[in-house]
Amino acid sequence: MWTYFVISFTQLFTLLIIVCVILPGEIPHILESIRRLKYRLSALIDPDFGLLEQLLSEQVLTPRECAKIRSQNTVFERNEVLLDYLASEDQCRKLLKALEQTCQRHIANYIIENGG
């Protein structure tokens, strides 16, 4: 017996992003792209409404690193510290996933497209 699944376009798009982008090995230079776009990303990312918690749960950040990020005075400074903590492609893929899950897909796309 066949089971049918009904999904929205948004769910389908998110699934495609996860399959095509976030799976290991698909984008080999996310970290390089993030480093190149750091100044612009510092102004774009919203770290205060779930992103840090998501990165903590994915073990991208430690509780101490989250506290250090939160202690910064401005969003720009919080994002700079956050981006400085990213040290591997795996962490960057998890950042893309966390951006997707916190309604910041446009920023994930910006990183994927290398600012284009």
C-alpha atoms as a PDB file:
ATOM      1  CA  MET A   1       0.000   0.000   0.000  1.00  0.00           C
ATOM      2  CA  TRP A   2       1.345   3.420  -0.950  1.00  0.00           C
ATOM      3  CA  THR A   3       1.576   6.255   1.516  1.00  0.00           C
ATOM      4  CA  TYR A   4       1.235   9.768   0.186  1.00  0.00           C
ATOM      5  CA  PHE A   5       2.952  12.773   1.695  1.00  0.00           C
ATOM      6  CA  VAL A   6       1.759  16.288   1.170  1.00  0.00           C
ATOM      7  CA  ILE A   7       4.424  18.925   1.654  1.00  0.00           C
ATOM      8  CA  SER A   8       4.430  22.619   0.992  1.00  0.00           C
ATOM      9  CA  PHE A   9       6.709  24.341  -1.467  1.00  0.00           C
ATOM     10  CA  THR A  10       8.685  25.790   1.465  1.00  0.00           C
ATOM     11  CA  GLN A  11       9.235  22.327   2.936  1.00  0.00           C
ATOM     12  CA  LEU A  12      10.283  21.005  -0.470  1.00  0.00           C
ATOM     13  CA  PHE A  13      12.707  23.897  -0.981  1.00  0.00           C
ATOM     14  CA  THR A  14      14.213  23.359   2.487  1.00  0.00           C
ATOM     15  CA  LEU A  15      14.600  19.655   1.774  1.00  0.00           C
ATOM     16  CA  LEU A  16      16.343  20.422  -1.518  1.00  0.00           C
ATOM     17  CA  ILE A  17      18.726  22.835   0.215  1.00  0.00           C
ATOM     18  CA  ILE A  18      19.554  20.217   2.832  1.00  0.00           C
ATOM     19  CA  VAL A  19      20.099  17.493   0.232  1.00  0.00           C
ATOM     20  CA  CYS A  20      22.014  19.664  -2.230  1.00  0.00           C
ATOM     21  CA  VAL A  21      23.949  21.960   0.069  1.00  0.00           C
ATOM     22  CA  ILE A  22      24.193  20.890   3.650  1.00  0.00           C
ATOM     23  CA  LEU A  23      25.194  17.291   3.153  1.00  0.00           C
ATOM     24  CA  PRO A  24      28.929  16.824   3.699  1.00  0.00           C
ATOM     25  CA  GLY A  25      31.135  17.290   0.690  1.00  0.00           C
ATOM     26  CA  GLU A  26      28.704  19.263  -1.438  1.00  0.00           C
ATOM     27  CA  ILE A  27      30.237  22.710  -0.905  1.00  0.00           C
ATOM     28  CA  PRO A  28      33.937  22.353  -0.149  1.00  0.00           C
ATOM     29  CA  HIS A  29      34.708  25.979   0.608  1.00  0.00           C
ATOM     30  CA  ILE A  30      31.973  27.370   2.834  1.00  0.00           C
ATOM     31  CA  LEU A  31      34.491  28.495   5.449  1.00  0.00           C
ATOM     32  CA  GLU A  32      36.470  30.392   2.831  1.00  0.00           C
ATOM     33  CA  SER A  33      33.286  32.072   1.639  1.00  0.00           C
ATOM     34  CA  ILE A  34      32.295  33.034   5.189  1.00  0.00           C
ATOM     35  CA  ARG A  35      35.756  34.498   5.846  1.00  0.00           C
ATOM     36  CA  ARG A  36      35.578  36.525   2.635  1.00  0.00           C
ATOM     37  CA  LEU A  37      32.064  37.795   3.447  1.00  0.00           C
ATOM     38  CA  LYS A  38      32.642  38.303   7.185  1.00  0.00           C
ATOM     39  CA  TYR A  39      32.149  42.074   7.253  1.00  0.00           C
ATOM     40  CA  ARG A  40      28.873  41.924   5.316  1.00  0.00           C
ATOM     41  CA  LEU A  41      27.617  38.869   7.239  1.00  0.00           C
ATOM     42  CA  SER A  42      28.303  40.686  10.506  1.00  0.00           C
ATOM     43  CA  ALA A  43      25.689  43.220   9.480  1.00  0.00           C
ATOM     44  CA  LEU A  44      23.169  40.674   8.131  1.00  0.00           C
ATOM     45  CA  ILE A  45      22.944  37.762  10.581  1.00  0.00           C
ATOM     46  CA  ASP A  46      20.459  37.929  13.449  1.00  0.00           C
ATOM     47  CA  PRO A  47      22.094  35.944  16.281  1.00  0.00           C
ATOM     48  CA  ASP A  48      19.626  36.904  18.999  1.00  0.00           C
ATOM     49  CA  PHE A  49      16.485  34.912  18.191  1.00  0.00           C
ATOM     50  CA  GLY A  50      17.395  31.250  18.193  1.00  0.00           C
ATOM     51  CA  LEU A  51      20.554  31.049  16.114  1.00  0.00           C
ATOM     52  CA  LEU A  52      22.969  30.751  19.037  1.00  0.00           C
ATOM     53  CA  GLU A  53      20.754  28.189  20.736  1.00  0.00           C
ATOM     54  CA  GLN A  54      20.626  26.154  17.526  1.00  0.00           C
ATOM     55  CA  LEU A  55      24.410  26.283  17.144  1.00  0.00           C
ATOM     56  CA  LEU A  56      24.805  25.264  20.784  1.00  0.00           C
ATOM     57  CA  SER A  57      22.490  22.275  20.323  1.00  0.00           C
ATOM     58  CA  GLU A  58      24.432  21.251  17.191  1.00  0.00           C
ATOM     59  CA  GLN A  59      27.674  21.508  19.201  1.00  0.00           C
ATOM     60  CA  VAL A  60      29.090  24.165  16.909  1.00  0.00           C
ATOM     61  CA  LEU A  61      29.467  26.427  19.938  1.00  0.00           C
ATOM     62  CA  THR A  62      30.148  25.688  23.579  1.00  0.00           C
ATOM     63  CA  PRO A  63      28.170  27.343  26.399  1.00  0.00           C
ATOM     64  CA  ARG A  64      31.211  29.516  27.161  1.00  0.00           C
ATOM     65  CA  GLU A  65      31.457  30.635  23.532  1.00  0.00           C
ATOM     66  CA  CYS A  66      27.749  31.489  23.504  1.00  0.00           C
ATOM     67  CA  ALA A  67      28.200  33.548  26.663  1.00  0.00           C
ATOM     68  CA  LYS A  68      31.147  35.396  25.100  1.00  0.00           C
ATOM     69  CA  ILE A  69      29.080  36.155  21.991  1.00  0.00           C
ATOM     70  CA  ARG A  70      26.104  37.358  24.052  1.00  0.00           C
ATOM     71  CA  SER A  71      28.357  39.636  26.117  1.00  0.00           C
ATOM     72  CA  GLN A  72      29.181  41.780  23.078  1.00  0.00           C
ATOM     73  CA  ASN A  73      27.459  45.172  22.959  1.00  0.00           C
ATOM     74  CA  THR A  74      26.252  45.273  19.373  1.00  0.00           C
ATOM     75  CA  VAL A  75      24.813  42.763  16.917  1.00  0.00           C
ATOM     76  CA  PHE A  76      27.746  43.521  14.623  1.00  0.00           C
ATOM     77  CA  GLU A  77      30.234  42.588  17.371  1.00  0.00           C
ATOM     78  CA  ARG A  78      28.240  39.473  18.341  1.00  0.00           C
ATOM     79  CA  ASN A  79      28.332  38.295  14.740  1.00  0.00           C
ATOM     80  CA  GLU A  80      32.059  38.981  14.376  1.00  0.00           C
ATOM     81  CA  VAL A  81      32.811  36.841  17.432  1.00  0.00           C
ATOM     82  CA  LEU A  82      30.421  34.128  16.218  1.00  0.00           C
ATOM     83  CA  LEU A  83      32.056  33.991  12.785  1.00  0.00           C
ATOM     84  CA  ASP A  84      35.509  33.915  14.362  1.00  0.00           C
ATOM     85  CA  TYR A  85      34.578  30.711  16.203  1.00  0.00           C
ATOM     86  CA  LEU A  86      33.873  28.854  12.958  1.00  0.00           C
ATOM     87  CA  ALA A  87      36.915  26.714  12.229  1.00  0.00           C
ATOM     88  CA  SER A  88      35.754  23.829  10.016  1.00  0.00           C
ATOM     89  CA  GLU A  89      33.601  23.087   7.009  1.00  0.00           C
ATOM     90  CA  ASP A  90      31.378  20.916   9.225  1.00  0.00           C
ATOM     91  CA  GLN A  91      30.705  23.853  11.542  1.00  0.00           C
ATOM     92  CA  CYS A  92      29.905  26.012   8.533  1.00  0.00           C
ATOM     93  CA  ARG A  93      27.435  23.463   7.157  1.00  0.00           C
ATOM     94  CA  LYS A  94      25.760  23.429  10.555  1.00  0.00           C
ATOM     95  CA  LEU A  95      25.637  27.236  10.480  1.00  0.00           C
ATOM     96  CA  LEU A  96      23.838  27.076   7.113  1.00  0.00           C
ATOM     97  CA  LYS A  97      21.374  24.595   8.564  1.00  0.00           C
ATOM     98  CA  ALA A  98      20.833  26.788  11.653  1.00  0.00           C
ATOM     99  CA  LEU A  99      20.268  29.841   9.456  1.00  0.00           C
ATOM    100  CA  GLU A 100      17.624  27.873   7.561  1.00  0.00           C
ATOM    101  CA  GLN A 101      15.948  26.829  10.799  1.00  0.00           C
ATOM    102  CA  THR A 102      15.864  30.378  12.159  1.00  0.00           C
ATOM    103  CA  CYS A 103      14.210  31.935   9.079  1.00  0.00           C
ATOM    104  CA  GLN A 104      17.457  33.334   7.683  1.00  0.00           C
ATOM    105  CA  ARG A 105      17.541  31.290   4.483  1.00  0.00           C
ATOM    106  CA  HIS A 106      18.426  34.394   2.473  1.00  0.00           C
ATOM    107  CA  ILE A 107      21.713  34.633   4.398  1.00  0.00           C
ATOM    108  CA  ALA A 108      22.462  30.940   3.834  1.00  0.00           C
ATOM    109  CA  ASN A 109      21.834  31.509   0.128  1.00  0.00           C
ATOM    110  CA  TYR A 110      24.107  34.566   0.181  1.00  0.00           C
ATOM    111  CA  ILE A 111      26.911  32.422   1.654  1.00  0.00           C
ATOM    112  CA  ILE A 112      26.274  29.590  -0.809  1.00  0.00           C
ATOM    113  CA  GLU A 113      26.374  32.004  -3.722  1.00  0.00           C
ATOM    114  CA  ASN A 114      29.595  33.515  -2.303  1.00  0.00           C
ATOM    115  CA  GLY A 115      27.989  36.921  -1.949  1.00  0.00           C
ATOM    116  CA  GLY A 116      26.465  36.878  -5.427  1.00  0.00           C
END
